[in-house]
C-alpha atoms as a PDB file:
ATOM      1  CA  MET A   1      87.908 153.200 142.221  1.00  0.00           C
ATOM      2  CA  SER A   2      87.982 154.237 138.604  1.00  0.00           C
ATOM      3  CA  ASP A   3      86.025 152.781 135.950  1.00  0.00           C
ATOM      4  CA  GLN A   4      89.212 151.434 134.298  1.00  0.00           C
ATOM      5  CA  THR A   5      90.530 150.038 137.119  1.00  0.00           C
ATOM      6  CA  LYS A   6      87.189 148.145 137.638  1.00  0.00           C
ATOM      7  CA  THR A   7      86.985 146.922 134.133  1.00  0.00           C
ATOM      8  CA  ARG A   8      91.082 145.108 134.493  1.00  0.00           C
ATOM      9  CA  LYS A   9      89.684 144.036 138.104  1.00  0.00           C
ATOM     10  CA  LYS A  10      86.835 142.113 136.447  1.00  0.00           C
ATOM     11  CA  ARG A  11      88.623 140.784 133.561  1.00  0.00           C
ATOM     12  CA  ASP A  12      91.597 139.392 135.585  1.00  0.00           C
ATOM     13  CA  THR A  13      88.911 137.674 137.739  1.00  0.00           C
ATOM     14  CA  HIS A  14      87.386 136.489 134.808  1.00  0.00           C
ATOM     15  CA  GLU A  15      90.970 134.979 133.448  1.00  0.00           C
ATOM     16  CA  LYS A  16      91.479 133.747 136.823  1.00  0.00           C
ATOM     17  CA  ARG A  17      88.051 132.057 136.724  1.00  0.00           C
ATOM     18  CA  GLN A  18      89.083 130.233 133.062  1.00  0.00           C
ATOM     19  CA  THR A  19      92.606 129.052 134.539  1.00  0.00           C
ATOM     20  CA  ILE A  20      90.796 127.071 137.734  1.00  0.00           C
ATOM     21  CA  LEU A  21      88.135 125.410 135.252  1.00  0.00           C
ATOM     22  CA  VAL A  22      91.019 124.508 132.252  1.00  0.00           C
ATOM     23  CA  GLY A  23      92.616 122.826 135.466  1.00  0.00           C
ATOM     24  CA  ALA A  24      89.967 121.570 136.803  1.00  0.00           C
ATOM     25  CA  VAL A  25      89.261 120.011 133.607  1.00  0.00           C
ATOM     26  CA  LYS A  26      92.814 118.396 133.156  1.00  0.00           C
ATOM     27  CA  VAL A  27      92.369 116.876 137.051  1.00  0.00           C
ATOM     28  CA  PHE A  28      88.892 115.271 136.705  1.00  0.00           C
ATOM     29  CA  ILE A  29      89.760 113.968 133.210  1.00  0.00           C
ATOM     30  CA  GLU A  30      93.058 112.430 134.391  1.00  0.00           C
ATOM     31  CA  SER A  31      91.878 111.545 138.084  1.00  0.00           C
ATOM     32  CA  GLY A  32      87.950 111.006 137.839  1.00  0.00           C
ATOM     33  CA  TYR A  33      85.652 113.136 140.206  1.00  0.00           C
ATOM     34  CA  ASP A  34      85.630 111.181 143.392  1.00  0.00           C
ATOM     35  CA  VAL A  35      89.776 110.971 143.362  1.00  0.00           C
ATOM     36  CA  SER A  36      90.086 114.617 142.378  1.00  0.00           C
ATOM     37  CA  SER A  37      90.599 117.571 144.981  1.00  0.00           C
ATOM     38  CA  MET A  38      90.541 121.011 145.195  1.00  0.00           C
ATOM     39  CA  ASP A  39      94.263 121.233 146.365  1.00  0.00           C
ATOM     40  CA  LYS A  40      95.191 119.359 143.181  1.00  0.00           C
ATOM     41  CA  ILE A  41      93.011 121.456 140.999  1.00  0.00           C
ATOM     42  CA  ALA A  42      94.729 124.635 142.859  1.00  0.00           C
ATOM     43  CA  GLU A  43      97.999 122.652 141.741  1.00  0.00           C
ATOM     44  CA  VAL A  44      97.621 121.905 138.327  1.00  0.00           C
ATOM     45  CA  ALA A  45      95.750 125.726 137.734  1.00  0.00           C
ATOM     46  CA  GLY A  46      98.699 127.337 139.135  1.00  0.00           C
ATOM     47  CA  VAL A  47      96.772 129.136 141.675  1.00  0.00           C
ATOM     48  CA  SER A  48      96.300 128.807 145.696  1.00  0.00           C
ATOM     49  CA  LYS A  49      93.475 127.027 147.124  1.00  0.00           C
ATOM     50  CA  ARG A  50      92.215 130.010 148.627  1.00  0.00           C
ATOM     51  CA  THR A  51      91.994 131.315 145.104  1.00  0.00           C
ATOM     52  CA  VAL A  52      89.846 128.350 144.087  1.00  0.00           C
ATOM     53  CA  TYR A  53      87.578 128.646 147.060  1.00  0.00           C
ATOM     54  CA  ASN A  54      86.857 132.313 146.267  1.00  0.00           C
ATOM     55  CA  HIS A  55      85.497 131.147 143.211  1.00  0.00           C
ATOM     56  CA  PHE A  56      83.850 127.947 143.924  1.00  0.00           C
ATOM     57  CA  GLN A  57      82.488 127.080 147.065  1.00  0.00           C
ATOM     58  CA  SER A  58      83.204 123.418 146.723  1.00  0.00           C
ATOM     59  CA  LYS A  59      84.430 120.580 144.227  1.00  0.00           C
ATOM     60  CA  GLU A  60      80.649 120.039 143.402  1.00  0.00           C
ATOM     61  CA  SER A  61      80.099 124.040 142.372  1.00  0.00           C
ATOM     62  CA  LEU A  62      83.448 123.617 140.476  1.00  0.00           C
ATOM     63  CA  PHE A  63      82.287 120.327 138.947  1.00  0.00           C
ATOM     64  CA  GLN A  64      78.913 122.560 138.025  1.00  0.00           C
ATOM     65  CA  ALA A  65      80.919 125.629 136.213  1.00  0.00           C
ATOM     66  CA  VAL A  66      83.023 123.026 134.324  1.00  0.00           C
ATOM     67  CA  VAL A  67      79.658 121.507 132.703  1.00  0.00           C
ATOM     68  CA  ASN A  68      77.794 124.697 132.218  1.00  0.00           C
ATOM     69  CA  ASP A  69      80.758 126.069 130.445  1.00  0.00           C
ATOM     70  CA  PHE A  70      81.429 122.603 128.249  1.00  0.00           C
ATOM     71  CA  LEU A  71      77.694 123.149 127.094  1.00  0.00           C
ATOM     72  CA  LYS A  72      77.986 127.170 126.611  1.00  0.00           C
ATOM     73  CA  GLN A  73      80.752 126.458 124.470  1.00  0.00           C
ATOM     74  CA  ARG A  74      78.530 124.157 122.376  1.00  0.00           C
ATOM     75  CA  ASP A  75      76.055 126.294 122.293  1.00  0.00           C
ATOM     76  CA  GLN A  76      77.789 129.359 120.713  1.00  0.00           C
ATOM     77  CA  GLN A  77      78.466 127.025 117.847  1.00  0.00           C
ATOM     78  CA  LYS A  78      74.917 126.862 117.062  1.00  0.00           C
ATOM     79  CA  PRO A  79      73.211 130.839 117.516  1.00  0.00           C
ATOM     80  CA  ILE A  80      71.581 129.265 114.136  1.00  0.00           C
ATOM     81  CA  GLU A  81      68.416 131.343 112.981  1.00  0.00           C
ATOM     82  CA  TYR A  82      66.342 129.514 110.643  1.00  0.00           C
ATOM     83  CA  SER A  83      66.487 130.806 107.240  1.00  0.00           C
ATOM     84  CA  GLY A  84      64.027 129.980 104.194  1.00  0.00           C
ATOM     85  CA  SER A  85      66.601 131.219 101.592  1.00  0.00           C
ATOM     86  CA  ARG A  86      69.239 128.140 102.798  1.00  0.00           C
ATOM     87  CA  SER A  87      68.461 124.346 101.957  1.00  0.00           C
ATOM     88  CA  LEU A  88      67.365 122.703 105.255  1.00  0.00           C
ATOM     89  CA  GLU A  89      70.230 120.001 104.711  1.00  0.00           C
ATOM     90  CA  GLU A  90      72.538 122.977 105.245  1.00  0.00           C
ATOM     91  CA  GLN A  91      71.156 124.476 107.862  1.00  0.00           C
ATOM     92  CA  LEU A  92      70.763 120.760 109.792  1.00  0.00           C
ATOM     93  CA  ARG A  93      74.479 120.202 109.379  1.00  0.00           C
ATOM     94  CA  GLU A  94      75.356 123.064 111.276  1.00  0.00           C
ATOM     95  CA  PHE A  95      73.774 121.822 114.256  1.00  0.00           C
ATOM     96  CA  ALA A  96      74.940 118.615 113.765  1.00  0.00           C
ATOM     97  CA  GLU A  97      78.582 120.012 113.141  1.00  0.00           C
ATOM     98  CA  ALA A  98      78.083 122.227 116.751  1.00  0.00           C
ATOM     99  CA  GLU A  99      76.740 118.919 118.509  1.00  0.00           C
ATOM    100  CA  LEU A 100      80.159 117.490 117.149  1.00  0.00           C
ATOM    101  CA  TYR A 101      82.177 120.323 118.601  1.00  0.00           C
ATOM    102  CA  LEU A 102      81.553 118.336 121.564  1.00  0.00           C
ATOM    103  CA  ILE A 103      84.023 115.235 120.740  1.00  0.00           C
ATOM    104  CA  ASP A 104      85.802 116.692 117.479  1.00  0.00           C
ATOM    105  CA  ASP A 105      89.034 117.777 119.748  1.00  0.00           C
ATOM    106  CA  PRO A 106      91.092 115.537 122.067  1.00  0.00           C
ATOM    107  CA  THR A 107      90.883 117.713 125.232  1.00  0.00           C
ATOM    108  CA  ARG A 108      86.937 117.665 124.635  1.00  0.00           C
ATOM    109  CA  ARG A 109      86.839 114.339 123.551  1.00  0.00           C
ATOM    110  CA  GLY A 110      88.550 113.255 126.708  1.00  0.00           C
ATOM    111  CA  LEU A 111      85.784 115.487 128.625  1.00  0.00           C
ATOM    112  CA  SER A 112      83.026 114.045 127.040  1.00  0.00           C
ATOM    113  CA  LYS A 113      84.279 110.546 128.147  1.00  0.00           C
ATOM    114  CA  PHE A 114      84.947 111.588 131.496  1.00  0.00           C
ATOM    115  CA  LEU A 115      81.088 113.190 131.913  1.00  0.00           C
ATOM    116  CA  THR A 116      79.309 110.476 130.473  1.00  0.00           C
ATOM    117  CA  SER A 117      81.069 107.788 133.015  1.00  0.00           C
ATOM    118  CA  VAL A 118      80.258 110.056 135.813  1.00  0.00           C
ATOM    119  CA  PHE A 119      76.547 110.549 134.599  1.00  0.00           C
ATOM    120  CA  VAL A 120      76.411 106.795 133.877  1.00  0.00           C
ATOM    121  CA  MET A 121      78.187 105.977 137.196  1.00  0.00           C
ATOM    122  CA  ASP A 122      75.352 108.177 139.549  1.00  0.00           C
ATOM    123  CA  ILE A 123      72.426 108.791 137.415  1.00  0.00           C
ATOM    124  CA  GLU A 124      70.798 111.231 140.262  1.00  0.00           C
ATOM    125  CA  PHE A 125      74.196 113.094 140.635  1.00  0.00           C
ATOM    126  CA  GLY A 126      73.644 113.593 136.768  1.00  0.00           C
ATOM    127  CA  LYS A 127      70.446 114.818 137.190  1.00  0.00           C
ATOM    128  CA  LYS A 128      71.601 117.225 140.049  1.00  0.00           C
ATOM    129  CA  ILE A 129      74.186 118.601 138.183  1.00  0.00           C
ATOM    130  CA  ARG A 130      72.303 118.902 134.551  1.00  0.00           C
ATOM    131  CA  SER A 131      69.493 120.830 136.439  1.00  0.00           C
ATOM    132  CA  GLY A 132      71.769 123.542 136.269  1.00  0.00           C
ATOM    133  CA  ALA A 133      72.037 124.009 132.498  1.00  0.00           C
ATOM    134  CA  LYS A 134      69.338 125.487 130.034  1.00  0.00           C
ATOM    135  CA  PRO A 135      67.080 122.973 128.792  1.00  0.00           C
ATOM    136  CA  PRO A 136      68.392 120.933 125.890  1.00  0.00           C
ATOM    137  CA  HIS A 137      68.055 121.285 121.862  1.00  0.00           C
ATOM    138  CA  GLU A 138      66.198 124.406 122.784  1.00  0.00           C
ATOM    139  CA  SER A 139      67.617 126.319 119.796  1.00  0.00           C
ATOM    140  CA  PHE A 140      67.198 123.509 117.269  1.00  0.00           C
ATOM    141  CA  ILE A 141      63.521 123.399 118.919  1.00  0.00           C
ATOM    142  CA  LYS A 142      63.138 127.448 117.800  1.00  0.00           C
ATOM    143  CA  TRP A 143      64.413 126.790 114.440  1.00  0.00           C
ATOM    144  CA  LEU A 144      62.101 123.417 113.776  1.00  0.00           C
ATOM    145  CA  ASN A 145      59.067 125.534 114.783  1.00  0.00           C
ATOM    146  CA  SER A 146      60.420 128.410 112.255  1.00  0.00           C
ATOM    147  CA  ALA A 147      60.692 125.736 109.223  1.00  0.00           C
ATOM    148  CA  GLN A 148      57.446 124.041 109.951  1.00  0.00           C
ATOM    149  CA  GLU A 149      55.661 127.767 109.927  1.00  0.00           C
ATOM    150  CA  ASP A 150      57.491 128.250 106.538  1.00  0.00           C
ATOM    151  CA  GLY A 151      55.932 125.001 105.485  1.00  0.00           C
ATOM    152  CA  LYS A 152      59.251 123.301 104.980  1.00  0.00           C
ATOM    153  CA  LEU A 153      58.802 120.848 107.601  1.00  0.00           C
ATOM    154  CA  ASN A 154      55.909 118.930 109.730  1.00  0.00           C
ATOM    155  CA  PHE A 155      55.555 117.387 112.800  1.00  0.00           C
ATOM    156  CA  GLN A 156      53.526 116.852 115.680  1.00  0.00           C
ATOM    157  CA  SER A 157      55.729 117.638 118.341  1.00  0.00           C
ATOM    158  CA  ALA A 158      59.046 119.655 118.095  1.00  0.00           C
ATOM    159  CA  GLN A 159      60.625 118.454 121.393  1.00  0.00           C
ATOM    160  CA  LEU A 160      60.196 114.839 119.493  1.00  0.00           C
ATOM    161  CA  ALA A 161      61.784 115.862 116.387  1.00  0.00           C
ATOM    162  CA  ALA A 162      64.518 117.303 118.673  1.00  0.00           C
ATOM    163  CA  GLN A 163      65.318 114.019 119.658  1.00  0.00           C
ATOM    164  CA  ILE A 164      65.008 111.998 116.882  1.00  0.00           C
ATOM    165  CA  PHE A 165      67.473 114.361 115.379  1.00  0.00           C
ATOM    166  CA  TYR A 166      69.868 114.394 118.271  1.00  0.00           C
ATOM    167  CA  GLY A 167      69.789 110.677 118.506  1.00  0.00           C
ATOM    168  CA  LEU A 168      70.704 110.421 114.969  1.00  0.00           C
ATOM    169  CA  VAL A 169      73.765 112.263 115.926  1.00  0.00           C
ATOM    170  CA  GLU A 170      74.740 111.131 118.587  1.00  0.00           C
ATOM    171  CA  GLY A 171      73.848 107.264 117.966  1.00  0.00           C
ATOM    172  CA  CYS A 172      75.689 107.363 114.593  1.00  0.00           C
ATOM    173  CA  LEU A 173      78.645 109.766 115.160  1.00  0.00           C
ATOM    174  CA  THR A 174      78.942 111.193 118.643  1.00  0.00           C
ATOM    175  CA  TYR A 175      79.493 107.779 120.517  1.00  0.00           C
ATOM    176  CA  ALA A 176      81.359 106.137 117.840  1.00  0.00           C
ATOM    177  CA  ALA A 177      83.634 109.094 118.005  1.00  0.00           C
ATOM    178  CA  LEU A 178      84.334 108.338 122.115  1.00  0.00           C
ATOM    179  CA  PHE A 179      84.659 104.629 121.606  1.00  0.00           C
ATOM    180  CA  THR A 180      87.462 105.270 118.854  1.00  0.00           C
ATOM    181  CA  ASP A 181      89.380 108.061 120.350  1.00  0.00           C
ATOM    182  CA  GLY A 182      88.207 109.976 117.124  1.00  0.00           C
ATOM    183  CA  ALA A 183      89.246 107.792 114.438  1.00  0.00           C
ATOM    184  CA  SER A 184      85.712 107.088 113.369  1.00  0.00           C
ATOM    185  CA  LEU A 185      85.398 110.810 112.391  1.00  0.00           C
ATOM    186  CA  LYS A 186      87.572 110.373 109.528  1.00  0.00           C
ATOM    187  CA  PHE A 187      84.383 108.546 107.898  1.00  0.00           C
ATOM    188  CA  LYS A 188      82.004 111.013 109.198  1.00  0.00           C
ATOM    189  CA  GLU A 189      80.838 112.366 105.763  1.00  0.00           C
ATOM    190  CA  PRO A 190      78.680 109.920 104.089  1.00  0.00           C
ATOM    191  CA  VAL A 191      77.131 109.190 107.828  1.00  0.00           C
ATOM    192  CA  LEU A 192      76.368 112.620 108.311  1.00  0.00           C
ATOM    193  CA  THR A 193      74.718 113.025 104.596  1.00  0.00           C
ATOM    194  CA  GLU A 194      72.943 110.018 105.468  1.00  0.00           C
ATOM    195  CA  LEU A 195      71.540 111.119 108.561  1.00  0.00           C
ATOM    196  CA  ILE A 196      70.408 114.198 107.555  1.00  0.00           C
ATOM    197  CA  THR A 197      68.547 112.695 104.688  1.00  0.00           C
ATOM    198  CA  THR A 198      66.764 110.044 106.744  1.00  0.00           C
ATOM    199  CA  PHE A 199      65.652 112.950 108.870  1.00  0.00           C
ATOM    200  CA  ILE A 200      63.765 115.224 105.807  1.00  0.00           C
ATOM    201  CA  SER A 201      62.802 111.960 104.307  1.00  0.00           C
ATOM    202  CA  ARG A 202      60.486 111.963 107.851  1.00  0.00           C
ATOM    203  CA  TYR A 203      59.353 115.382 108.521  1.00  0.00           C
ATOM    204  CA  GLY A 204      60.199 117.133 105.369  1.00  0.00           C
ATOM    205  CA  VAL A 205      57.262 118.614 103.226  1.00  0.00           C
ATOM    206  CA  ASP A 206      57.459 117.695  99.342  1.00  0.00           C
ATOM    207  CA  LYS A 207      56.875 120.849  97.060  1.00  0.00           C
END
């Protein structure tokens, strides 16, 4: 098999996998996890059931892939390296906007609602699924440590500071958007400015 053929086959396999994931998202959102079936996912994705099983061994492994892909999309929004020449406000806003990526689009918002309901209804299942994802706030913790080394922030625990920041973002913006189907996002700017100001007031270093 030539290298060109291998590359094309690999691309086709990736595209087929993405097609299945998109179909799975539609079915999970519309039907819920328990009712959804691999047959229905194959139908919506426009592929055979055998093709679905060639990529995913079970509905649970497919669901795990949906979660991982969703979080990967979010993480790709925030490969933010700390910069001493840029304001903390500007950089913190980029992290917040990356988190809001999960709910600023109807489809992503629908998936966020679905995942929240699944994880709330079955805590142990939620833990099992999330265990396959990378540690939360990893890139932000790295950013926090760099900001502290640069003398711009001061905290005892980067993990705790990260929890506070994302707690503010989620509590003030994410859940409001879920409960209002995105309507609250029209008024996000003053809220975003205030929560960033609050975070810097707590952890910022005056010079």
